[in-house]
């Protein structure tokens, strides 16, 4: 079982992702609904992977992505805006499009947590 951070400002989407993670046999960290909440969880919790909504109200998740990257924690972005809206530094990261295709979400989560589940 991997611990996956969920960051999304929409409570229903965060709950849906949490339910999917449980169905896939993983534990949800959070969910965090803001950049500040997410950064606090990154600093204080054991996390194996993360799914980050790009747009968090009036902010974005790129500080969270930076913090995860510095800790070597794999993550994927979730967005309805497409890869063209991503900063160059993050364009090579995995991205899942909204609305979600649940099979794609499962594939991405499996890829993100593969190192954690092999321990």
PDB file of N, CA and C in Angstrom:
ATOM      1  N   UNK A   1       0.850  -1.182   0.000  1.00  0.00           N
ATOM      2  CA  UNK A   1       0.000   0.000   0.000  1.00  0.00           C
ATOM      3  C   UNK A   1       0.888   1.234   0.000  1.00  0.00           C
ATOM      4  N   UNK A   2       0.604   2.138  -0.905  1.00  0.00           N
ATOM      5  CA  UNK A   2       1.348   3.399  -0.986  1.00  0.00           C
ATOM      6  C   UNK A   2       0.511   4.535  -0.405  1.00  0.00           C
ATOM      7  N   UNK A   3       1.198   5.546   0.084  1.00  0.00           N
ATOM      8  CA  UNK A   3       0.546   6.741   0.621  1.00  0.00           C
ATOM      9  C   UNK A   3       0.608   7.828  -0.459  1.00  0.00           C
ATOM     10  N   UNK A   4      -0.582   8.226  -0.951  1.00  0.00           N
ATOM     11  CA  UNK A   4      -0.661   9.154  -2.078  1.00  0.00           C
ATOM     12  C   UNK A   4      -1.316  10.459  -1.623  1.00  0.00           C
ATOM     13  N   UNK A   5      -0.588  11.546  -1.771  1.00  0.00           N
ATOM     14  CA  UNK A   5      -1.113  12.873  -1.473  1.00  0.00           C
ATOM     15  C   UNK A   5      -2.065  13.304  -2.576  1.00  0.00           C
ATOM     16  N   UNK A   6      -3.253  13.749  -2.180  1.00  0.00           N
ATOM     17  CA  UNK A   6      -4.230  14.283  -3.122  1.00  0.00           C
ATOM     18  C   UNK A   6      -4.368  15.775  -2.846  1.00  0.00           C
ATOM     19  N   UNK A   7      -4.158  16.586  -3.888  1.00  0.00           N
ATOM     20  CA  UNK A   7      -4.283  18.039  -3.779  1.00  0.00           C
ATOM     21  C   UNK A   7      -5.279  18.493  -4.839  1.00  0.00           C
ATOM     22  N   UNK A   8      -6.426  18.981  -4.383  1.00  0.00           N
ATOM     23  CA  UNK A   8      -7.444  19.494  -5.299  1.00  0.00           C
ATOM     24  C   UNK A   8      -8.342  20.436  -4.517  1.00  0.00           C
ATOM     25  N   UNK A   9      -8.614  21.600  -5.071  1.00  0.00           N
ATOM     26  CA  UNK A   9      -9.439  22.582  -4.364  1.00  0.00           C
ATOM     27  C   UNK A   9     -10.926  22.267  -4.431  1.00  0.00           C
ATOM     28  N   UNK A  10     -11.319  21.318  -5.246  1.00  0.00           N
ATOM     29  CA  UNK A  10     -12.724  20.921  -5.335  1.00  0.00           C
ATOM     30  C   UNK A  10     -12.940  19.674  -4.478  1.00  0.00           C
ATOM     31  N   UNK A  11     -13.717  19.822  -3.416  1.00  0.00           N
ATOM     32  CA  UNK A  11     -13.901  18.745  -2.438  1.00  0.00           C
ATOM     33  C   UNK A  11     -14.435  17.458  -3.068  1.00  0.00           C
ATOM     34  N   UNK A  12     -15.374  17.567  -3.995  1.00  0.00           N
ATOM     35  CA  UNK A  12     -15.946  16.360  -4.600  1.00  0.00           C
ATOM     36  C   UNK A  12     -14.916  15.599  -5.425  1.00  0.00           C
ATOM     37  N   UNK A  13     -14.075  16.329  -6.136  1.00  0.00           N
ATOM     38  CA  UNK A  13     -13.024  15.669  -6.924  1.00  0.00           C
ATOM     39  C   UNK A  13     -12.008  15.024  -5.998  1.00  0.00           C
ATOM     40  N   UNK A  14     -11.647  15.724  -4.922  1.00  0.00           N
ATOM     41  CA  UNK A  14     -10.700  15.162  -3.955  1.00  0.00           C
ATOM     42  C   UNK A  14     -11.270  13.889  -3.333  1.00  0.00           C
ATOM     43  N   UNK A  15     -12.556  13.898  -2.991  1.00  0.00           N
ATOM     44  CA  UNK A  15     -13.187  12.701  -2.416  1.00  0.00           C
ATOM     45  C   UNK A  15     -13.213  11.560  -3.428  1.00  0.00           C
ATOM     46  N   UNK A  16     -13.499  11.881  -4.689  1.00  0.00           N
ATOM     47  CA  UNK A  16     -13.527  10.856  -5.722  1.00  0.00           C
ATOM     48  C   UNK A  16     -12.142  10.229  -5.885  1.00  0.00           C
ATOM     49  N   UNK A  17     -11.098  11.068  -5.920  1.00  0.00           N
ATOM     50  CA  UNK A  17      -9.743  10.537  -6.034  1.00  0.00           C
ATOM     51  C   UNK A  17      -9.387   9.691  -4.815  1.00  0.00           C
ATOM     52  N   UNK A  18      -9.774  10.134  -3.641  1.00  0.00           N
ATOM     53  CA  UNK A  18      -9.521   9.372  -2.419  1.00  0.00           C
ATOM     54  C   UNK A  18     -10.205   8.013  -2.478  1.00  0.00           C
ATOM     55  N   UNK A  19     -11.447   7.991  -2.935  1.00  0.00           N
ATOM     56  CA  UNK A  19     -12.176   6.727  -3.074  1.00  0.00           C
ATOM     57  C   UNK A  19     -11.492   5.805  -4.089  1.00  0.00           C
ATOM     58  N   UNK A  20     -11.043   6.370  -5.208  1.00  0.00           N
ATOM     59  CA  UNK A  20     -10.338   5.571  -6.212  1.00  0.00           C
ATOM     60  C   UNK A  20      -9.065   4.980  -5.640  1.00  0.00           C
ATOM     61  N   UNK A  21      -8.312   5.793  -4.913  1.00  0.00           N
ATOM     62  CA  UNK A  21      -7.065   5.304  -4.319  1.00  0.00           C
ATOM     63  C   UNK A  21      -7.337   4.155  -3.352  1.00  0.00           C
ATOM     64  N   UNK A  22      -8.389   4.281  -2.557  1.00  0.00           N
ATOM     65  CA  UNK A  22      -8.761   3.205  -1.640  1.00  0.00           C
ATOM     66  C   UNK A  22      -9.114   1.947  -2.425  1.00  0.00           C
ATOM     67  N   UNK A  23      -9.877   2.122  -3.492  1.00  0.00           N
ATOM     68  CA  UNK A  23     -10.253   1.001  -4.349  1.00  0.00           C
ATOM     69  C   UNK A  23      -9.015   0.325  -4.941  1.00  0.00           C
ATOM     70  N   UNK A  24      -7.976   1.112  -5.244  1.00  0.00           N
ATOM     71  CA  UNK A  24      -6.743   0.585  -5.825  1.00  0.00           C
ATOM     72  C   UNK A  24      -5.793   0.035  -4.762  1.00  0.00           C
ATOM     73  N   UNK A  25      -6.196   0.126  -3.478  1.00  0.00           N
ATOM     74  CA  UNK A  25      -5.392  -0.440  -2.408  1.00  0.00           C
ATOM     75  C   UNK A  25      -4.373   0.503  -1.803  1.00  0.00           C
ATOM     76  N   UNK A  26      -4.576   1.802  -1.958  1.00  0.00           N
ATOM     77  CA  UNK A  26      -3.642   2.794  -1.440  1.00  0.00           C
ATOM     78  C   UNK A  26      -4.297   3.641  -0.348  1.00  0.00           C
ATOM     79  N   UNK A  27      -3.465   4.367   0.359  1.00  0.00           N
ATOM     80  CA  UNK A  27      -3.923   5.265   1.418  1.00  0.00           C
ATOM     81  C   UNK A  27      -3.810   6.712   0.928  1.00  0.00           C
ATOM     82  N   UNK A  28      -4.840   7.496   1.180  1.00  0.00           N
ATOM     83  CA  UNK A  28      -4.816   8.902   0.805  1.00  0.00           C
ATOM     84  C   UNK A  28      -4.184   9.726   1.914  1.00  0.00           C
ATOM     85  N   UNK A  29      -3.270  10.593   1.537  1.00  0.00           N
ATOM     86  CA  UNK A  29      -2.744  11.607   2.445  1.00  0.00           C
ATOM     87  C   UNK A  29      -3.490  12.885   2.092  1.00  0.00           C
ATOM     88  N   UNK A  30      -4.128  13.491   3.073  1.00  0.00           N
ATOM     89  CA  UNK A  30      -4.975  14.649   2.822  1.00  0.00           C
ATOM     90  C   UNK A  30      -6.419  14.189   2.717  1.00  0.00           C
ATOM     91  N   UNK A  31      -7.140  14.760   1.811  1.00  0.00           N
ATOM     92  CA  UNK A  31      -6.696  15.647   0.739  1.00  0.00           C
ATOM     93  C   UNK A  31      -6.434  17.072   1.220  1.00  0.00           C
ATOM     94  N   UNK A  32      -5.583  17.741   0.472  1.00  0.00           N
ATOM     95  CA  UNK A  32      -5.304  19.157   0.697  1.00  0.00           C
ATOM     96  C   UNK A  32      -6.088  19.947  -0.331  1.00  0.00           C
ATOM     97  N   UNK A  33      -6.657  21.065   0.101  1.00  0.00           N
ATOM     98  CA  UNK A  33      -7.472  21.880  -0.798  1.00  0.00           C
ATOM     99  C   UNK A  33      -6.794  23.201  -1.159  1.00  0.00           C
ATOM    100  N   UNK A  34      -5.595  23.422  -0.620  1.00  0.00           N
ATOM    101  CA  UNK A  34      -4.865  24.662  -0.915  1.00  0.00           C
ATOM    102  C   UNK A  34      -3.369  24.374  -0.961  1.00  0.00           C
ATOM    103  N   UNK A  35      -2.643  25.304  -1.509  1.00  0.00           N
ATOM    104  CA  UNK A  35      -1.190  25.195  -1.555  1.00  0.00           C
ATOM    105  C   UNK A  35      -0.615  25.088  -0.144  1.00  0.00           C
ATOM    106  N   UNK A  36      -1.103  25.915   0.781  1.00  0.00           N
ATOM    107  CA  UNK A  36      -0.585  25.916   2.154  1.00  0.00           C
ATOM    108  C   UNK A  36      -0.827  24.572   2.836  1.00  0.00           C
ATOM    109  N   UNK A  37      -2.028  24.021   2.693  1.00  0.00           N
ATOM    110  CA  UNK A  37      -2.321  22.710   3.284  1.00  0.00           C
ATOM    111  C   UNK A  37      -1.413  21.639   2.695  1.00  0.00           C
ATOM    112  N   UNK A  38      -1.241  21.680   1.395  1.00  0.00           N
ATOM    113  CA  UNK A  38      -0.412  20.674   0.726  1.00  0.00           C
ATOM    114  C   UNK A  38       1.040  20.765   1.180  1.00  0.00           C
ATOM    115  N   UNK A  39       1.574  21.976   1.268  1.00  0.00           N
ATOM    116  CA  UNK A  39       2.957  22.135   1.710  1.00  0.00           C
ATOM    117  C   UNK A  39       3.143  21.642   3.142  1.00  0.00           C
ATOM    118  N   UNK A  40       2.153  21.870   3.988  1.00  0.00           N
ATOM    119  CA  UNK A  40       2.216  21.376   5.366  1.00  0.00           C
ATOM    120  C   UNK A  40       2.254  19.849   5.389  1.00  0.00           C
ATOM    121  N   UNK A  41       1.437  19.205   4.560  1.00  0.00           N
ATOM    122  CA  UNK A  41       1.431  17.744   4.503  1.00  0.00           C
ATOM    123  C   UNK A  41       2.740  17.205   3.948  1.00  0.00           C
ATOM    124  N   UNK A  42       3.283  17.856   2.926  1.00  0.00           N
ATOM    125  CA  UNK A  42       4.561  17.422   2.355  1.00  0.00           C
ATOM    126  C   UNK A  42       5.655  17.472   3.420  1.00  0.00           C
ATOM    127  N   UNK A  43       5.623  18.500   4.249  1.00  0.00           N
ATOM    128  CA  UNK A  43       6.649  18.676   5.280  1.00  0.00           C
ATOM    129  C   UNK A  43       6.467  17.734   6.473  1.00  0.00           C
ATOM    130  N   UNK A  44       5.238  17.252   6.699  1.00  0.00           N
ATOM    131  CA  UNK A  44       4.978  16.539   7.948  1.00  0.00           C
ATOM    132  C   UNK A  44       4.553  15.078   7.808  1.00  0.00           C
ATOM    133  N   UNK A  45       4.241  14.628   6.620  1.00  0.00           N
ATOM    134  CA  UNK A  45       3.720  13.270   6.438  1.00  0.00           C
ATOM    135  C   UNK A  45       4.625  12.444   5.530  1.00  0.00           C
ATOM    136  N   UNK A  46       4.574  11.137   5.728  1.00  0.00           N
ATOM    137  CA  UNK A  46       5.248  10.221   4.815  1.00  0.00           C
ATOM    138  C   UNK A  46       4.389  10.102   3.563  1.00  0.00           C
ATOM    139  N   UNK A  47       4.973  10.395   2.420  1.00  0.00           N
ATOM    140  CA  UNK A  47       4.242  10.394   1.143  1.00  0.00           C
ATOM    141  C   UNK A  47       5.070   9.615   0.131  1.00  0.00           C
ATOM    142  N   UNK A  48       4.398   8.719  -0.599  1.00  0.00           N
ATOM    143  CA  UNK A  48       5.070   7.937  -1.631  1.00  0.00           C
ATOM    144  C   UNK A  48       4.868   8.514  -3.027  1.00  0.00           C
ATOM    145  N   UNK A  49       3.766   9.250  -3.225  1.00  0.00           N
ATOM    146  CA  UNK A  49       3.437   9.827  -4.533  1.00  0.00           C
ATOM    147  C   UNK A  49       2.355  10.877  -4.326  1.00  0.00           C
ATOM    148  N   UNK A  50       2.066  11.642  -5.374  1.00  0.00           N
ATOM    149  CA  UNK A  50       1.049  12.691  -5.260  1.00  0.00           C
ATOM    150  C   UNK A  50       0.364  12.933  -6.593  1.00  0.00           C
ATOM    151  N   UNK A  51      -0.895  13.369  -6.490  1.00  0.00           N
ATOM    152  CA  UNK A  51      -1.659  13.859  -7.640  1.00  0.00           C
ATOM    153  C   UNK A  51      -2.033  15.294  -7.309  1.00  0.00           C
ATOM    154  N   UNK A  52      -1.591  16.220  -8.154  1.00  0.00           N
ATOM    155  CA  UNK A  52      -1.743  17.648  -7.891  1.00  0.00           C
ATOM    156  C   UNK A  52      -2.638  18.316  -8.920  1.00  0.00           C
ATOM    157  N   UNK A  53      -3.733  18.894  -8.467  1.00  0.00           N
ATOM    158  CA  UNK A  53      -4.542  19.752  -9.333  1.00  0.00           C
ATOM    159  C   UNK A  53      -3.710  20.988  -9.623  1.00  0.00           C
ATOM    160  N   UNK A  54      -3.582  21.353 -10.869  1.00  0.00           N
ATOM    161  CA  UNK A  54      -2.739  22.488 -11.236  1.00  0.00           C
ATOM    162  C   UNK A  54      -3.298  23.785 -10.675  1.00  0.00           C
ATOM    163  N   UNK A  55      -4.601  23.998 -10.792  1.00  0.00           N
ATOM    164  CA  UNK A  55      -5.220  25.246 -10.360  1.00  0.00           C
ATOM    165  C   UNK A  55      -5.898  25.049  -9.013  1.00  0.00           C
ATOM    166  N   UNK A  56      -5.436  25.815  -8.024  1.00  0.00           N
ATOM    167  CA  UNK A  56      -5.996  25.758  -6.677  1.00  0.00           C
ATOM    168  C   UNK A  56      -6.584  27.118  -6.343  1.00  0.00           C
ATOM    169  N   UNK A  57      -7.812  27.333  -6.763  1.00  0.00           N
ATOM    170  CA  UNK A  57      -8.441  28.636  -6.560  1.00  0.00           C
ATOM    171  C   UNK A  57      -7.665  29.715  -7.302  1.00  0.00           C
ATOM    172  N   UNK A  58      -7.159  30.706  -6.555  1.00  0.00           N
ATOM    173  CA  UNK A  58      -6.385  31.793  -7.153  1.00  0.00           C
ATOM    174  C   UNK A  58      -4.897  31.486  -7.247  1.00  0.00           C
ATOM    175  N   UNK A  59      -4.496  30.280  -6.845  1.00  0.00           N
ATOM    176  CA  UNK A  59      -3.093  29.883  -6.851  1.00  0.00           C
ATOM    177  C   UNK A  59      -2.886  28.698  -7.770  1.00  0.00           C
ATOM    178  N   UNK A  60      -1.647  28.254  -7.859  1.00  0.00           N
ATOM    179  CA  UNK A  60      -1.348  27.019  -8.569  1.00  0.00           C
ATOM    180  C   UNK A  60      -0.603  26.089  -7.613  1.00  0.00           C
ATOM    181  N   UNK A  61      -0.258  24.927  -8.098  1.00  0.00           N
ATOM    182  CA  UNK A  61       0.364  23.916  -7.244  1.00  0.00           C
ATOM    183  C   UNK A  61       1.865  23.792  -7.455  1.00  0.00           C
ATOM    184  N   UNK A  62       2.473  24.727  -8.172  1.00  0.00           N
ATOM    185  CA  UNK A  62       3.861  24.533  -8.566  1.00  0.00           C
ATOM    186  C   UNK A  62       4.850  24.594  -7.405  1.00  0.00           C
ATOM    187  N   UNK A  63       4.537  25.323  -6.334  1.00  0.00           N
ATOM    188  CA  UNK A  63       5.394  25.299  -5.141  1.00  0.00           C
ATOM    189  C   UNK A  63       5.341  23.918  -4.490  1.00  0.00           C
ATOM    190  N   UNK A  64       4.179  23.296  -4.525  1.00  0.00           N
ATOM    191  CA  UNK A  64       4.031  21.939  -3.993  1.00  0.00           C
ATOM    192  C   UNK A  64       4.828  20.963  -4.863  1.00  0.00           C
ATOM    193  N   UNK A  65       4.717  21.115  -6.168  1.00  0.00           N
ATOM    194  CA  UNK A  65       5.475  20.264  -7.087  1.00  0.00           C
ATOM    195  C   UNK A  65       6.976  20.410  -6.837  1.00  0.00           C
ATOM    196  N   UNK A  66       7.416  21.629  -6.633  1.00  0.00           N
ATOM    197  CA  UNK A  66       8.834  21.889  -6.350  1.00  0.00           C
ATOM    198  C   UNK A  66       9.260  21.181  -5.065  1.00  0.00           C
ATOM    199  N   UNK A  67       8.445  21.289  -4.011  1.00  0.00           N
ATOM    200  CA  UNK A  67       8.758  20.652  -2.728  1.00  0.00           C
ATOM    201  C   UNK A  67       8.815  19.129  -2.864  1.00  0.00           C
ATOM    202  N   UNK A  68       7.877  18.565  -3.607  1.00  0.00           N
ATOM    203  CA  UNK A  68       7.886  17.122  -3.830  1.00  0.00           C
ATOM    204  C   UNK A  68       9.126  16.705  -4.610  1.00  0.00           C
ATOM    205  N   UNK A  69       9.448  17.457  -5.659  1.00  0.00           N
ATOM    206  CA  UNK A  69      10.626  17.163  -6.464  1.00  0.00           C
ATOM    207  C   UNK A  69      11.908  17.193  -5.650  1.00  0.00           C
ATOM    208  N   UNK A  70      12.015  18.164  -4.750  1.00  0.00           N
ATOM    209  CA  UNK A  70      13.199  18.271  -3.897  1.00  0.00           C
ATOM    210  C   UNK A  70      13.332  17.071  -2.968  1.00  0.00           C
ATOM    211  N   UNK A  71      12.220  16.432  -2.641  1.00  0.00           N
ATOM    212  CA  UNK A  71      12.234  15.266  -1.760  1.00  0.00           C
ATOM    213  C   UNK A  71      12.264  13.953  -2.539  1.00  0.00           C
ATOM    214  N   UNK A  72      12.267  14.042  -3.860  1.00  0.00           N
ATOM    215  CA  UNK A  72      12.304  12.843  -4.686  1.00  0.00           C
ATOM    216  C   UNK A  72      11.000  12.062  -4.694  1.00  0.00           C
ATOM    217  N   UNK A  73       9.899  12.739  -4.416  1.00  0.00           N
ATOM    218  CA  UNK A  73       8.584  12.092  -4.382  1.00  0.00           C
ATOM    219  C   UNK A  73       7.936  12.233  -5.759  1.00  0.00           C
ATOM    220  N   UNK A  74       7.589  11.128  -6.409  1.00  0.00           N
ATOM    221  CA  UNK A  74       6.975  11.210  -7.741  1.00  0.00           C
ATOM    222  C   UNK A  74       5.564  11.796  -7.662  1.00  0.00           C
ATOM    223  N   UNK A  75       5.194  12.528  -8.687  1.00  0.00           N
ATOM    224  CA  UNK A  75       3.867  13.133  -8.726  1.00  0.00           C
ATOM    225  C   UNK A  75       3.396  13.285 -10.157  1.00  0.00           C
ATOM    226  N   UNK A  76       2.087  13.469 -10.280  1.00  0.00           N
ATOM    227  CA  UNK A  76       1.459  13.761 -11.568  1.00  0.00           C
ATOM    228  C   UNK A  76       0.538  14.952 -11.372  1.00  0.00           C
ATOM    229  N   UNK A  77       0.354  15.685 -12.431  1.00  0.00           N
ATOM    230  CA  UNK A  77      -0.565  16.816 -12.421  1.00  0.00           C
ATOM    231  C   UNK A  77      -1.934  16.376 -12.918  1.00  0.00           C
ATOM    232  N   UNK A  78      -2.974  17.011 -12.408  1.00  0.00           N
ATOM    233  CA  UNK A  78      -4.335  16.837 -12.901  1.00  0.00           C
ATOM    234  C   UNK A  78      -4.796  18.209 -13.391  1.00  0.00           C
ATOM    235  N   UNK A  79      -5.262  18.261 -14.639  1.00  0.00           N
ATOM    236  CA  UNK A  79      -5.655  19.557 -15.183  1.00  0.00           C
ATOM    237  C   UNK A  79      -6.676  19.400 -16.301  1.00  0.00           C
ATOM    238  N   UNK A  80      -7.489  20.396 -16.428  1.00  0.00           N
ATOM    239  CA  UNK A  80      -8.411  20.472 -17.545  1.00  0.00           C
ATOM    240  C   UNK A  80      -7.917  21.444 -18.603  1.00  0.00           C
ATOM    241  N   UNK A  81      -6.733  22.031 -18.377  1.00  0.00           N
ATOM    242  CA  UNK A  81      -6.221  23.068 -19.274  1.00  0.00           C
ATOM    243  C   UNK A  81      -5.248  22.558 -20.322  1.00  0.00           C
ATOM    244  N   UNK A  82      -4.741  21.365 -20.185  1.00  0.00           N
ATOM    245  CA  UNK A  82      -3.793  20.826 -21.143  1.00  0.00           C
ATOM    246  C   UNK A  82      -2.364  21.178 -20.792  1.00  0.00           C
ATOM    247  N   UNK A  83      -1.449  20.493 -21.432  1.00  0.00           N
ATOM    248  CA  UNK A  83      -0.029  20.624 -21.114  1.00  0.00           C
ATOM    249  C   UNK A  83       0.532  21.988 -21.510  1.00  0.00           C
ATOM    250  N   UNK A  84      -0.103  22.675 -22.459  1.00  0.00           N
ATOM    251  CA  UNK A  84       0.391  23.980 -22.899  1.00  0.00           C
ATOM    252  C   UNK A  84       0.358  25.024 -21.782  1.00  0.00           C
ATOM    253  N   UNK A  85      -0.445  24.784 -20.753  1.00  0.00           N
ATOM    254  CA  UNK A  85      -0.554  25.731 -19.640  1.00  0.00           C
ATOM    255  C   UNK A  85       0.504  25.491 -18.561  1.00  0.00           C
ATOM    256  N   UNK A  86       1.333  24.466 -18.756  1.00  0.00           N
ATOM    257  CA  UNK A  86       2.336  24.111 -17.754  1.00  0.00           C
ATOM    258  C   UNK A  86       3.626  24.902 -17.984  1.00  0.00           C
ATOM    259  N   UNK A  87       4.285  25.285 -16.883  1.00  0.00           N
ATOM    260  CA  UNK A  87       5.606  25.902 -17.027  1.00  0.00           C
ATOM    261  C   UNK A  87       6.580  24.900 -17.649  1.00  0.00           C
ATOM    262  N   UNK A  88       7.573  25.397 -18.349  1.00  0.00           N
ATOM    263  CA  UNK A  88       8.539  24.527 -19.010  1.00  0.00           C
ATOM    264  C   UNK A  88       9.154  23.505 -18.063  1.00  0.00           C
ATOM    265  N   UNK A  89       9.425  23.893 -16.842  1.00  0.00           N
ATOM    266  CA  UNK A  89      10.082  23.007 -15.874  1.00  0.00           C
ATOM    267  C   UNK A  89       9.259  21.762 -15.562  1.00  0.00           C
ATOM    268  N   UNK A  90       7.958  21.807 -15.816  1.00  0.00           N
ATOM    269  CA  UNK A  90       7.094  20.684 -15.459  1.00  0.00           C
ATOM    270  C   UNK A  90       6.417  20.018 -16.651  1.00  0.00           C
ATOM    271  N   UNK A  91       6.726  20.424 -17.857  1.00  0.00           N
ATOM    272  CA  UNK A  91       6.025  19.881 -19.030  1.00  0.00           C
ATOM    273  C   UNK A  91       6.280  18.399 -19.269  1.00  0.00           C
ATOM    274  N   UNK A  92       7.366  17.879 -18.754  1.00  0.00           N
ATOM    275  CA  UNK A  92       7.690  16.466 -18.954  1.00  0.00           C
ATOM    276  C   UNK A  92       7.041  15.560 -17.907  1.00  0.00           C
ATOM    277  N   UNK A  93       6.408  16.139 -16.904  1.00  0.00           N
ATOM    278  CA  UNK A  93       5.767  15.342 -15.845  1.00  0.00           C
ATOM    279  C   UNK A  93       4.490  14.703 -16.357  1.00  0.00           C
ATOM    280  N   UNK A  94       4.130  13.585 -15.745  1.00  0.00           N
ATOM    281  CA  UNK A  94       2.878  12.925 -16.108  1.00  0.00           C
ATOM    282  C   UNK A  94       1.709  13.852 -15.797  1.00  0.00           C
ATOM    283  N   UNK A  95       0.708  13.797 -16.660  1.00  0.00           N
ATOM    284  CA  UNK A  95      -0.480  14.625 -16.491  1.00  0.00           C
ATOM    285  C   UNK A  95      -1.710  13.786 -16.800  1.00  0.00           C
ATOM    286  N   UNK A  96      -2.704  13.913 -15.939  1.00  0.00           N
ATOM    287  CA  UNK A  96      -3.984  13.265 -16.186  1.00  0.00           C
ATOM    288  C   UNK A  96      -5.000  14.368 -16.465  1.00  0.00           C
ATOM    289  N   UNK A  97      -5.750  14.191 -17.524  1.00  0.00           N
ATOM    290  CA  UNK A  97      -6.708  15.211 -17.942  1.00  0.00           C
ATOM    291  C   UNK A  97      -8.007  15.093 -17.166  1.00  0.00           C
ATOM    292  N   UNK A  98      -8.591  16.258 -16.912  1.00  0.00           N
ATOM    293  CA  UNK A  98      -9.927  16.327 -16.329  1.00  0.00           C
ATOM    294  C   UNK A  98     -10.906  16.612 -17.453  1.00  0.00           C
ATOM    295  N   UNK A  99     -12.080  16.043 -17.445  1.00  0.00           N
ATOM    296  CA  UNK A  99     -12.587  15.066 -16.489  1.00  0.00           C
ATOM    297  C   UNK A  99     -11.790  13.758 -16.586  1.00  0.00           C
ATOM    298  N   UNK A 100     -11.725  13.024 -15.468  1.00  0.00           N
ATOM    299  CA  UNK A 100     -10.882  11.854 -15.355  1.00  0.00           C
ATOM    300  C   UNK A 100     -11.426  10.657 -16.114  1.00  0.00           C
ATOM    301  N   UNK A 101     -10.502   9.965 -16.747  1.00  0.00           N
ATOM    302  CA  UNK A 101     -10.740   8.606 -17.241  1.00  0.00           C
ATOM    303  C   UNK A 101     -10.152   7.717 -16.149  1.00  0.00           C
ATOM    304  N   UNK A 102     -10.974   6.938 -15.464  1.00  0.00           N
ATOM    305  CA  UNK A 102     -10.527   6.194 -14.297  1.00  0.00           C
ATOM    306  C   UNK A 102      -9.424   5.187 -14.615  1.00  0.00           C
ATOM    307  N   UNK A 103      -9.444   4.611 -15.798  1.00  0.00           N
ATOM    308  CA  UNK A 103      -8.377   3.686 -16.188  1.00  0.00           C
ATOM    309  C   UNK A 103      -7.042   4.420 -16.331  1.00  0.00           C
ATOM    310  N   UNK A 104      -7.080   5.622 -16.876  1.00  0.00           N
ATOM    311  CA  UNK A 104      -5.858   6.427 -17.002  1.00  0.00           C
ATOM    312  C   UNK A 104      -5.341   6.801 -15.618  1.00  0.00           C
ATOM    313  N   UNK A 105      -6.251   7.180 -14.715  1.00  0.00           N
ATOM    314  CA  UNK A 105      -5.845   7.500 -13.343  1.00  0.00           C
ATOM    315  C   UNK A 105      -5.169   6.288 -12.717  1.00  0.00           C
ATOM    316  N   UNK A 106      -5.744   5.111 -12.882  1.00  0.00           N
ATOM    317  CA  UNK A 106      -5.155   3.897 -12.314  1.00  0.00           C
ATOM    318  C   UNK A 106      -3.766   3.649 -12.884  1.00  0.00           C
ATOM    319  N   UNK A 107      -3.600   3.782 -14.187  1.00  0.00           N
ATOM    320  CA  UNK A 107      -2.290   3.568 -14.813  1.00  0.00           C
ATOM    321  C   UNK A 107      -1.254   4.539 -14.268  1.00  0.00           C
ATOM    322  N   UNK A 108      -1.631   5.801 -14.129  1.00  0.00           N
ATOM    323  CA  UNK A 108      -0.699   6.808 -13.627  1.00  0.00           C
ATOM    324  C   UNK A 108      -0.341   6.533 -12.171  1.00  0.00           C
ATOM    325  N   UNK A 109      -1.335   6.222 -11.351  1.00  0.00           N
ATOM    326  CA  UNK A 109      -1.061   5.915  -9.940  1.00  0.00           C
ATOM    327  C   UNK A 109      -0.159   4.686  -9.844  1.00  0.00           C
ATOM    328  N   UNK A 110      -0.434   3.652 -10.628  1.00  0.00           N
ATOM    329  CA  UNK A 110       0.409   2.455 -10.614  1.00  0.00           C
ATOM    330  C   UNK A 110       1.853   2.805 -10.953  1.00  0.00           C
ATOM    331  N   UNK A 111       2.042   3.653 -11.940  1.00  0.00           N
ATOM    332  CA  UNK A 111       3.395   4.047 -12.336  1.00  0.00           C
ATOM    333  C   UNK A 111       4.067   4.892 -11.248  1.00  0.00           C
ATOM    334  N   UNK A 112       3.305   5.802 -10.647  1.00  0.00           N
ATOM    335  CA  UNK A 112       3.868   6.658  -9.598  1.00  0.00           C
ATOM    336  C   UNK A 112       4.299   5.862  -8.373  1.00  0.00           C
ATOM    337  N   UNK A 113       3.503   4.880  -7.977  1.00  0.00           N
ATOM    338  CA  UNK A 113       3.757   4.161  -6.721  1.00  0.00           C
ATOM    339  C   UNK A 113       4.597   2.907  -6.912  1.00  0.00           C
ATOM    340  N   UNK A 114       4.947   2.556  -8.119  1.00  0.00           N
ATOM    341  CA  UNK A 114       5.692   1.327  -8.365  1.00  0.00           C
ATOM    342  C   UNK A 114       6.926   1.208  -7.458  1.00  0.00           C
ATOM    343  N   UNK A 115       7.773   2.227  -7.320  1.00  0.00           N
ATOM    344  CA  UNK A 115       8.930   2.077  -6.421  1.00  0.00           C
ATOM    345  C   UNK A 115       8.522   1.860  -4.961  1.00  0.00           C
ATOM    346  N   UNK A 116       7.475   2.489  -4.506  1.00  0.00           N
ATOM    347  CA  UNK A 116       7.045   2.378  -3.102  1.00  0.00           C
ATOM    348  C   UNK A 116       6.470   1.005  -2.801  1.00  0.00           C
ATOM    349  N   UNK A 117       5.786   0.396  -3.764  1.00  0.00           N
ATOM    350  CA  UNK A 117       5.153  -0.889  -3.512  1.00  0.00           C
ATOM    351  C   UNK A 117       6.136  -2.038  -3.650  1.00  0.00           C
ATOM    352  N   UNK A 118       7.338  -1.778  -4.162  1.00  0.00           N
ATOM    353  CA  UNK A 118       8.349  -2.813  -4.294  1.00  0.00           C
ATOM    354  C   UNK A 118       9.222  -2.934  -3.062  1.00  0.00           C
ATOM    355  N   UNK A 119       9.039  -2.025  -2.077  1.00  0.00           N
ATOM    356  CA  UNK A 119       9.857  -2.056  -0.858  1.00  0.00           C
ATOM    357  C   UNK A 119       9.465  -3.207   0.034  1.00  0.00           C
TER     358      UNK A 119
END
